[in-house]
Amino acid sequence: MIGISKKTISGTKTNRQARNKIMELAQTRKINTVLVTELSRWGRSTQDLLETLN
C-alpha cells in the first residue's frame, strides 16, 4: 500500500493529525517505511525530531 500525506497544519503545533496517523500505522506494523524528504517537515525542533524517532 502506498499513501501520501500532505502536511498543511502550522509548524508550531505538536499534535499533528497526519503525523500521528503515520506513527500509529508504523507502530502497529501496518506500514514499514516512512519517507520524509525534509527532516524539518517531520520534526519542528531537534527535541521533537529525536522524541519521534525514539
Protein backbone atom coordinates (compact mmCIF):
# COMPACT_ATOMS: atom_id res chain seq x y z
CA MET A 1 0.00 0.00 0.00
CA ILE A 2 1.34 3.42 -0.91
CA GLY A 3 -0.07 6.52 0.69
CA ILE A 4 0.79 10.17 0.52
CA SER A 5 0.19 12.62 3.30
CA LYS A 6 0.45 16.33 2.60
CA LYS A 7 1.17 18.45 5.64
CA THR A 8 -0.86 21.65 5.86
CA ILE A 9 -1.05 22.46 9.57
CA SER A 10 1.05 25.10 11.32
CA GLY A 11 4.60 24.12 12.18
CA THR A 12 4.17 25.28 15.74
CA LYS A 13 1.59 22.60 16.51
CA THR A 14 2.89 19.48 18.23
CA ASN A 15 -0.34 17.49 17.81
CA ARG A 16 -0.41 16.94 14.06
CA GLN A 17 -3.07 14.50 12.91
CA ALA A 18 -1.30 13.29 9.74
CA ARG A 19 1.97 12.59 11.57
CA ASN A 20 0.10 10.92 14.43
CA LYS A 21 -1.71 8.64 11.97
CA ILE A 22 1.56 7.72 10.24
CA MET A 23 3.14 6.94 13.62
CA GLU A 24 0.16 4.76 14.57
CA LEU A 25 0.37 2.84 11.29
CA ALA A 26 4.11 2.30 11.74
CA GLN A 27 3.81 1.24 15.39
CA THR A 28 1.13 -1.32 14.54
CA ARG A 29 3.26 -2.51 11.60
CA LYS A 30 0.61 -1.69 9.03
CA ILE A 31 3.34 0.20 7.18
CA ASN A 32 7.06 -0.47 7.34
CA THR A 33 8.57 2.56 5.64
CA VAL A 34 8.11 6.29 6.03
CA LEU A 35 9.83 8.53 3.51
CA VAL A 36 10.41 12.09 4.65
CA THR A 37 12.02 14.41 2.11
CA GLU A 38 12.98 17.05 4.68
CA LEU A 39 13.52 16.39 8.39
CA SER A 40 12.32 19.92 9.11
CA ARG A 41 8.88 18.84 7.83
CA TRP A 42 8.74 15.91 10.27
CA GLY A 43 10.05 17.48 13.46
CA ARG A 44 9.62 21.07 14.46
CA SER A 45 12.64 21.10 16.74
CA THR A 46 15.59 18.85 17.39
CA GLN A 47 13.88 17.62 20.55
CA ASP A 48 10.62 16.89 18.72
CA LEU A 49 12.51 15.00 15.99
CA LEU A 50 14.51 12.92 18.48
CA GLU A 51 11.42 12.05 20.52
CA THR A 52 9.59 10.92 17.39
CA LEU A 53 12.50 8.81 16.18
CA ASN A 54 12.77 7.09 19.55
